[in-house]
C-alpha atoms as a PDB file:
ATOM      1  CA  MET A   1     -45.581  -2.635 -47.540  1.00  0.00           C
ATOM      2  CA  SER A   2     -42.172  -3.957 -48.464  1.00  0.00           C
ATOM      3  CA  LYS A   3     -41.206  -0.623 -50.048  1.00  0.00           C
ATOM      4  CA  SER A   4     -41.939   1.322 -46.865  1.00  0.00           C
ATOM      5  CA  ILE A   5     -39.550  -0.760 -44.785  1.00  0.00           C
ATOM      6  CA  PRO A   6     -35.890   0.079 -45.558  1.00  0.00           C
ATOM      7  CA  ASP A   7     -33.696  -2.819 -46.475  1.00  0.00           C
ATOM      8  CA  LEU A   8     -31.282  -3.832 -43.711  1.00  0.00           C
ATOM      9  CA  GLN A   9     -28.352  -4.131 -46.099  1.00  0.00           C
ATOM     10  CA  ASP A  10     -28.992  -0.640 -47.505  1.00  0.00           C
ATOM     11  CA  CYS A  11     -29.058   0.773 -43.967  1.00  0.00           C
ATOM     12  CA  LEU A  12     -25.743  -0.882 -43.158  1.00  0.00           C
ATOM     13  CA  VAL A  13     -24.161   0.436 -46.358  1.00  0.00           C
ATOM     14  CA  ASN A  14     -25.434   3.974 -45.731  1.00  0.00           C
ATOM     15  CA  ASN A  15     -24.277   3.841 -42.124  1.00  0.00           C
ATOM     16  CA  LYS A  16     -20.820   2.722 -43.238  1.00  0.00           C
ATOM     17  CA  GLU A  17     -20.612   5.532 -45.775  1.00  0.00           C
ATOM     18  CA  ASN A  18     -21.651   8.095 -43.162  1.00  0.00           C
ATOM     19  CA  THR A  19     -19.066   6.718 -40.767  1.00  0.00           C
ATOM     20  CA  ASN A  20     -16.343   7.006 -43.381  1.00  0.00           C
ATOM     21  CA  ASN A  21     -17.309  10.610 -44.052  1.00  0.00           C
ATOM     22  CA  ILE A  22     -16.833  11.621 -40.409  1.00  0.00           C
ATOM     23  CA  VAL A  23     -13.787  13.840 -40.024  1.00  0.00           C
ATOM     24  CA  ALA A  24     -11.804  13.465 -36.813  1.00  0.00           C
ATOM     25  CA  VAL A  25     -11.669  16.620 -34.720  1.00  0.00           C
ATOM     26  CA  LYS A  26      -8.197  17.481 -33.470  1.00  0.00           C
ATOM     27  CA  MET A  27      -7.036  20.335 -31.292  1.00  0.00           C
ATOM     28  CA  GLU A  28      -4.689  22.753 -32.989  1.00  0.00           C
ATOM     29  CA  LYS A  29      -1.175  22.871 -31.568  1.00  0.00           C
ATOM     30  CA  THR A  30      -0.753  26.522 -30.680  1.00  0.00           C
ATOM     31  CA  ILE A  31       1.669  26.277 -27.731  1.00  0.00           C
ATOM     32  CA  GLY A  32       5.290  26.377 -28.846  1.00  0.00           C
ATOM     33  CA  LEU A  33       8.483  25.413 -27.083  1.00  0.00           C
ATOM     34  CA  VAL A  34       9.104  28.814 -25.485  1.00  0.00           C
ATOM     35  CA  SER A  35       5.532  29.078 -24.199  1.00  0.00           C
ATOM     36  CA  SER A  36       5.713  25.530 -22.833  1.00  0.00           C
ATOM     37  CA  ILE A  37       8.905  26.383 -20.954  1.00  0.00           C
ATOM     38  CA  THR A  38       7.415  29.577 -19.519  1.00  0.00           C
ATOM     39  CA  ILE A  39       4.306  27.686 -18.381  1.00  0.00           C
ATOM     40  CA  ILE A  40       6.453  25.148 -16.517  1.00  0.00           C
ATOM     41  CA  ILE A  41       8.689  27.848 -15.025  1.00  0.00           C
ATOM     42  CA  GLY A  42       5.624  29.875 -14.038  1.00  0.00           C
ATOM     43  CA  SER A  43       4.198  26.822 -12.283  1.00  0.00           C
ATOM     44  CA  ILE A  44       7.471  26.181 -10.458  1.00  0.00           C
ATOM     45  CA  ILE A  45       7.928  29.815  -9.385  1.00  0.00           C
ATOM     46  CA  GLY A  46       4.585  30.340  -7.725  1.00  0.00           C
ATOM     47  CA  SER A  47       3.320  33.784  -6.876  1.00  0.00           C
ATOM     48  CA  GLY A  48       3.410  32.806  -3.215  1.00  0.00           C
ATOM     49  CA  ILE A  49       7.161  33.445  -3.214  1.00  0.00           C
ATOM     50  CA  PHE A  50       6.336  37.152  -3.007  1.00  0.00           C
ATOM     51  CA  VAL A  51       3.896  36.662  -0.103  1.00  0.00           C
ATOM     52  CA  SER A  52       5.315  33.895   2.091  1.00  0.00           C
ATOM     53  CA  PRO A  53       8.582  35.553   3.238  1.00  0.00           C
ATOM     54  CA  THR A  54       6.732  38.327   5.057  1.00  0.00           C
ATOM     55  CA  GLY A  55       4.568  35.930   7.052  1.00  0.00           C
ATOM     56  CA  ILE A  56       7.480  33.658   7.928  1.00  0.00           C
ATOM     57  CA  LEU A  57       9.658  36.554   9.057  1.00  0.00           C
ATOM     58  CA  GLU A  58       6.854  38.108  11.107  1.00  0.00           C
ATOM     59  CA  ASN A  59       6.206  34.866  12.992  1.00  0.00           C
ATOM     60  CA  MET A  60       9.805  33.704  13.410  1.00  0.00           C
ATOM     61  CA  GLN A  61      11.343  37.111  14.257  1.00  0.00           C
ATOM     62  CA  SER A  62      14.690  35.687  13.182  1.00  0.00           C
ATOM     63  CA  PHE A  63      16.474  35.716   9.827  1.00  0.00           C
ATOM     64  CA  GLY A  64      18.420  32.562  10.644  1.00  0.00           C
ATOM     65  CA  ALA A  65      15.318  30.575  11.556  1.00  0.00           C
ATOM     66  CA  SER A  66      13.553  31.867   8.450  1.00  0.00           C
ATOM     67  CA  LEU A  67      16.418  30.684   6.257  1.00  0.00           C
ATOM     68  CA  ILE A  68      16.331  27.255   7.927  1.00  0.00           C
ATOM     69  CA  ILE A  69      12.606  26.999   7.167  1.00  0.00           C
ATOM     70  CA  TRP A  70      13.184  27.975   3.541  1.00  0.00           C
ATOM     71  CA  ILE A  71      15.992  25.421   3.179  1.00  0.00           C
ATOM     72  CA  GLY A  72      13.808  22.695   4.700  1.00  0.00           C
ATOM     73  CA  CYS A  73      10.916  23.557   2.404  1.00  0.00           C
ATOM     74  CA  GLY A  74      13.300  23.532  -0.553  1.00  0.00           C
ATOM     75  CA  ILE A  75      14.443  20.012   0.352  1.00  0.00           C
ATOM     76  CA  PHE A  76      10.836  18.808   0.603  1.00  0.00           C
ATOM     77  CA  SER A  77      10.049  20.426  -2.744  1.00  0.00           C
ATOM     78  CA  LEU A  78      13.054  18.719  -4.326  1.00  0.00           C
ATOM     79  CA  LEU A  79      11.925  15.327  -3.010  1.00  0.00           C
ATOM     80  CA  GLY A  80       8.430  15.983  -4.355  1.00  0.00           C
ATOM     81  CA  ALA A  81       9.859  16.913  -7.747  1.00  0.00           C
ATOM     82  CA  TYR A  82      11.804  13.636  -7.866  1.00  0.00           C
ATOM     83  CA  CYS A  83       8.615  11.721  -7.009  1.00  0.00           C
ATOM     84  CA  TYR A  84       6.710  13.453  -9.801  1.00  0.00           C
ATOM     85  CA  ALA A  85       9.544  12.754 -12.242  1.00  0.00           C
ATOM     86  CA  GLU A  86       9.401   9.066 -11.345  1.00  0.00           C
ATOM     87  CA  LEU A  87       5.614   8.990 -11.684  1.00  0.00           C
ATOM     88  CA  GLY A  88       5.843  10.733 -15.042  1.00  0.00           C
ATOM     89  CA  THR A  89       8.153   8.032 -16.380  1.00  0.00           C
ATOM     90  CA  MET A  90       6.068   5.184 -14.939  1.00  0.00           C
ATOM     91  CA  ILE A  91       2.568   6.452 -15.824  1.00  0.00           C
ATOM     92  CA  GLN A  92       2.805   8.019 -19.249  1.00  0.00           C
ATOM     93  CA  ARG A  93      -0.738   9.389 -19.435  1.00  0.00           C
ATOM     94  CA  SER A  94      -2.096  12.903 -19.596  1.00  0.00           C
ATOM     95  CA  GLY A  95      -3.976  14.254 -16.610  1.00  0.00           C
ATOM     96  CA  GLY A  96      -1.288  15.026 -14.056  1.00  0.00           C
ATOM     97  CA  ASP A  97      -2.260  14.229 -10.475  1.00  0.00           C
ATOM     98  CA  TYR A  98      -5.589  12.767 -11.598  1.00  0.00           C
ATOM     99  CA  ALA A  99      -3.865  10.164 -13.782  1.00  0.00           C
ATOM    100  CA  TYR A 100      -1.493   9.164 -10.980  1.00  0.00           C
ATOM    101  CA  VAL A 101      -4.215   8.834  -8.334  1.00  0.00           C
ATOM    102  CA  LEU A 102      -6.475   7.016 -10.813  1.00  0.00           C
ATOM    103  CA  GLU A 103      -3.765   4.501 -11.582  1.00  0.00           C
ATOM    104  CA  ALA A 104      -2.823   3.937  -7.934  1.00  0.00           C
ATOM    105  CA  PHE A 105      -6.151   4.088  -6.062  1.00  0.00           C
ATOM    106  CA  GLY A 106      -8.922   3.652  -8.621  1.00  0.00           C
ATOM    107  CA  SER A 107     -11.614   5.770 -10.231  1.00  0.00           C
ATOM    108  CA  PHE A 108     -13.343   6.960  -7.039  1.00  0.00           C
ATOM    109  CA  MET A 109     -10.212   8.422  -5.471  1.00  0.00           C
ATOM    110  CA  GLY A 110      -9.214   9.857  -8.826  1.00  0.00           C
ATOM    111  CA  PHE A 111     -12.589  11.572  -9.091  1.00  0.00           C
ATOM    112  CA  LEU A 112     -12.248  12.993  -5.568  1.00  0.00           C
ATOM    113  CA  ARG A 113      -8.759  14.289  -6.336  1.00  0.00           C
ATOM    114  CA  LEU A 114      -9.904  15.992  -9.523  1.00  0.00           C
ATOM    115  CA  TRP A 115     -13.071  17.369  -7.900  1.00  0.00           C
ATOM    116  CA  ILE A 116     -11.125  18.874  -4.986  1.00  0.00           C
ATOM    117  CA  GLU A 117      -8.588  20.345  -7.414  1.00  0.00           C
ATOM    118  CA  VAL A 118     -11.237  21.959  -9.625  1.00  0.00           C
ATOM    119  CA  MET A 119     -13.752  23.049  -6.984  1.00  0.00           C
ATOM    120  CA  VAL A 120     -11.573  23.872  -3.960  1.00  0.00           C
ATOM    121  CA  ALA A 121      -7.809  24.026  -4.480  1.00  0.00           C
ATOM    122  CA  ARG A 122      -7.581  25.950  -7.755  1.00  0.00           C
ATOM    123  CA  PRO A 123     -10.261  28.563  -6.941  1.00  0.00           C
ATOM    124  CA  ALA A 124      -8.767  29.192  -3.497  1.00  0.00           C
ATOM    125  CA  THR A 125      -5.279  29.547  -4.951  1.00  0.00           C
ATOM    126  CA  MET A 126      -6.494  31.917  -7.649  1.00  0.00           C
ATOM    127  CA  ALA A 127      -8.333  33.999  -5.046  1.00  0.00           C
ATOM    128  CA  VAL A 128      -5.216  34.361  -2.874  1.00  0.00           C
ATOM    129  CA  ILE A 129      -3.032  35.281  -5.854  1.00  0.00           C
ATOM    130  CA  ALA A 130      -5.590  37.783  -7.152  1.00  0.00           C
ATOM    131  CA  MET A 131      -5.952  39.389  -3.709  1.00  0.00           C
ATOM    132  CA  THR A 132      -2.180  39.712  -3.388  1.00  0.00           C
ATOM    133  CA  PHE A 133      -1.922  41.176  -6.881  1.00  0.00           C
ATOM    134  CA  ALA A 134      -4.668  43.692  -6.080  1.00  0.00           C
ATOM    135  CA  LYS A 135      -2.925  44.791  -2.875  1.00  0.00           C
ATOM    136  CA  TYR A 136       0.382  45.285  -4.682  1.00  0.00           C
ATOM    137  CA  ILE A 137      -1.336  47.283  -7.423  1.00  0.00           C
ATOM    138  CA  LEU A 138      -3.171  49.559  -4.973  1.00  0.00           C
ATOM    139  CA  GLN A 139      -0.231  50.157  -2.642  1.00  0.00           C
ATOM    140  CA  PRO A 140       1.788  52.493  -4.945  1.00  0.00           C
ATOM    141  CA  ILE A 141      -1.387  54.226  -6.153  1.00  0.00           C
ATOM    142  CA  PHE A 142      -2.603  55.017  -2.613  1.00  0.00           C
ATOM    143  CA  PRO A 143       0.562  54.862  -0.474  1.00  0.00           C
ATOM    144  CA  ASP A 144      -0.802  56.910   2.428  1.00  0.00           C
ATOM    145  CA  CYS A 145      -4.325  55.480   2.534  1.00  0.00           C
ATOM    146  CA  PRO A 146      -5.404  52.234   4.199  1.00  0.00           C
ATOM    147  CA  GLN A 147      -6.562  49.671   1.677  1.00  0.00           C
ATOM    148  CA  SER A 148     -10.252  48.879   1.741  1.00  0.00           C
ATOM    149  CA  ASN A 149     -11.091  45.176   1.699  1.00  0.00           C
ATOM    150  CA  ALA A 150     -14.020  45.827  -0.622  1.00  0.00           C
ATOM    151  CA  VAL A 151     -11.814  47.616  -3.165  1.00  0.00           C
ATOM    152  CA  VAL A 152      -9.178  44.886  -2.993  1.00  0.00           C
ATOM    153  CA  ARG A 153     -11.785  42.165  -3.520  1.00  0.00           C
ATOM    154  CA  CYS A 154     -13.419  44.002  -6.418  1.00  0.00           C
ATOM    155  CA  LEU A 155     -10.076  44.512  -8.149  1.00  0.00           C
ATOM    156  CA  ALA A 156      -9.152  40.869  -7.558  1.00  0.00           C
ATOM    157  CA  ALA A 157     -12.490  39.741  -9.018  1.00  0.00           C
ATOM    158  CA  VAL A 158     -11.947  41.928 -12.081  1.00  0.00           C
ATOM    159  CA  CYS A 159      -8.482  40.424 -12.590  1.00  0.00           C
ATOM    160  CA  ILE A 160      -9.874  36.883 -12.386  1.00  0.00           C
ATOM    161  CA  MET A 161     -12.657  37.695 -14.855  1.00  0.00           C
ATOM    162  CA  ILE A 162     -10.211  39.260 -17.315  1.00  0.00           C
ATOM    163  CA  LEU A 163      -7.886  36.260 -17.169  1.00  0.00           C
ATOM    164  CA  GLY A 164     -10.825  33.871 -17.481  1.00  0.00           C
ATOM    165  CA  PHE A 165     -12.041  35.748 -20.541  1.00  0.00           C
ATOM    166  CA  ILE A 166      -8.585  35.624 -22.128  1.00  0.00           C
ATOM    167  CA  ASN A 167      -8.310  31.874 -21.514  1.00  0.00           C
ATOM    168  CA  SER A 168     -11.759  31.315 -22.995  1.00  0.00           C
ATOM    169  CA  VAL A 169     -11.188  33.398 -26.116  1.00  0.00           C
ATOM    170  CA  SER A 170      -7.758  32.348 -27.330  1.00  0.00           C
ATOM    171  CA  VAL A 171      -5.006  29.947 -26.369  1.00  0.00           C
ATOM    172  CA  ARG A 172      -2.432  32.236 -27.984  1.00  0.00           C
ATOM    173  CA  TRP A 173      -3.521  35.178 -25.844  1.00  0.00           C
ATOM    174  CA  SER A 174      -3.370  33.097 -22.678  1.00  0.00           C
ATOM    175  CA  THR A 175       0.122  31.819 -23.507  1.00  0.00           C
ATOM    176  CA  ARG A 176       1.324  35.358 -24.180  1.00  0.00           C
ATOM    177  CA  VAL A 177      -0.070  36.523 -20.846  1.00  0.00           C
ATOM    178  CA  GLN A 178       1.614  33.557 -19.178  1.00  0.00           C
ATOM    179  CA  ASP A 179       4.898  34.466 -20.871  1.00  0.00           C
ATOM    180  CA  ILE A 180       4.652  38.062 -19.644  1.00  0.00           C
ATOM    181  CA  PHE A 181       3.881  36.992 -16.069  1.00  0.00           C
ATOM    182  CA  THR A 182       6.732  34.485 -16.032  1.00  0.00           C
ATOM    183  CA  TYR A 183       9.244  37.020 -17.342  1.00  0.00           C
ATOM    184  CA  THR A 184       7.983  39.540 -14.774  1.00  0.00           C
ATOM    185  CA  LYS A 185       8.436  37.086 -11.909  1.00  0.00           C
ATOM    186  CA  ILE A 186      11.946  36.162 -13.034  1.00  0.00           C
ATOM    187  CA  ILE A 187      12.971  39.818 -13.398  1.00  0.00           C
ATOM    188  CA  ALA A 188      11.487  40.681  -9.992  1.00  0.00           C
ATOM    189  CA  LEU A 189      13.339  37.816  -8.295  1.00  0.00           C
ATOM    190  CA  LEU A 190      16.602  38.788  -9.988  1.00  0.00           C
ATOM    191  CA  MET A 191      16.145  42.378  -8.822  1.00  0.00           C
ATOM    192  CA  ILE A 192      15.561  41.194  -5.250  1.00  0.00           C
ATOM    193  CA  ILE A 193      18.644  38.948  -5.348  1.00  0.00           C
ATOM    194  CA  ILE A 194      20.865  41.640  -6.872  1.00  0.00           C
ATOM    195  CA  THR A 195      19.623  44.210  -4.349  1.00  0.00           C
ATOM    196  CA  GLY A 196      20.425  41.809  -1.527  1.00  0.00           C
ATOM    197  CA  PHE A 197      23.985  41.277  -2.740  1.00  0.00           C
ATOM    198  CA  VAL A 198      24.450  45.028  -3.165  1.00  0.00           C
ATOM    199  CA  GLN A 199      23.281  45.639   0.408  1.00  0.00           C
ATOM    200  CA  ILE A 200      25.660  42.966   1.688  1.00  0.00           C
ATOM    201  CA  SER A 201      28.576  44.445  -0.274  1.00  0.00           C
ATOM    202  CA  LEU A 202      27.829  47.852   1.278  1.00  0.00           C
ATOM    203  CA  GLY A 203      28.064  46.338   4.744  1.00  0.00           C
ATOM    204  CA  LYS A 204      24.377  46.684   5.580  1.00  0.00           C
ATOM    205  CA  LEU A 205      24.025  43.403   7.414  1.00  0.00           C
ATOM    206  CA  ASN A 206      21.802  44.481  10.312  1.00  0.00           C
ATOM    207  CA  LEU A 207      18.257  44.147   8.994  1.00  0.00           C
ATOM    208  CA  SER A 208      16.494  43.756  12.327  1.00  0.00           C
ATOM    209  CA  ARG A 209      14.775  47.106  11.970  1.00  0.00           C
ATOM    210  CA  HIS A 210      12.936  45.803   8.884  1.00  0.00           C
ATOM    211  CA  ILE A 211      11.146  43.110  10.868  1.00  0.00           C
ATOM    212  CA  ILE A 212       7.527  44.195  11.259  1.00  0.00           C
END
């Protein structure tokens, strides 16, 4: 009977040996300095910069008022950036907004913030960006044809699935895609700015006919 019951000391020794043999699992650092910078720049320069000006100009019907709105939004964004910089120095934990809300308001509000971000805010943002990307892709291909909502949605869904697959398969692939998108956005903005200065230097200051 005594042989069938394992000795308590032997169990503790075996458990300690098994614990010592456990190897800690660590994530491989695959994001370098350049990729980190492009991720931050890509987050700062949102894709909405290519969509918002049209809506603002259509509703304001004035270039001066549109510029005032952009300046005001820039000031608010700058104040928000200063707030985030202060929070980052005070609360040195990973998690972004979730960590800040968790520290300030507790676990329940932190959970709500993270749940809304994952289930509502991020999917809606991705859907808008994908729809805009699909419209811009289809416009030069079919310049004289009205865009079908079904085609735009299907193309947007395909884009989201491709990006989701890339993010699931490899971190290196996703960082390379992020680098390409960031460089593309910077080049596009520089082209817009340079074109604007060229038009001003040529004396083409009356742009009222471009208001839709």
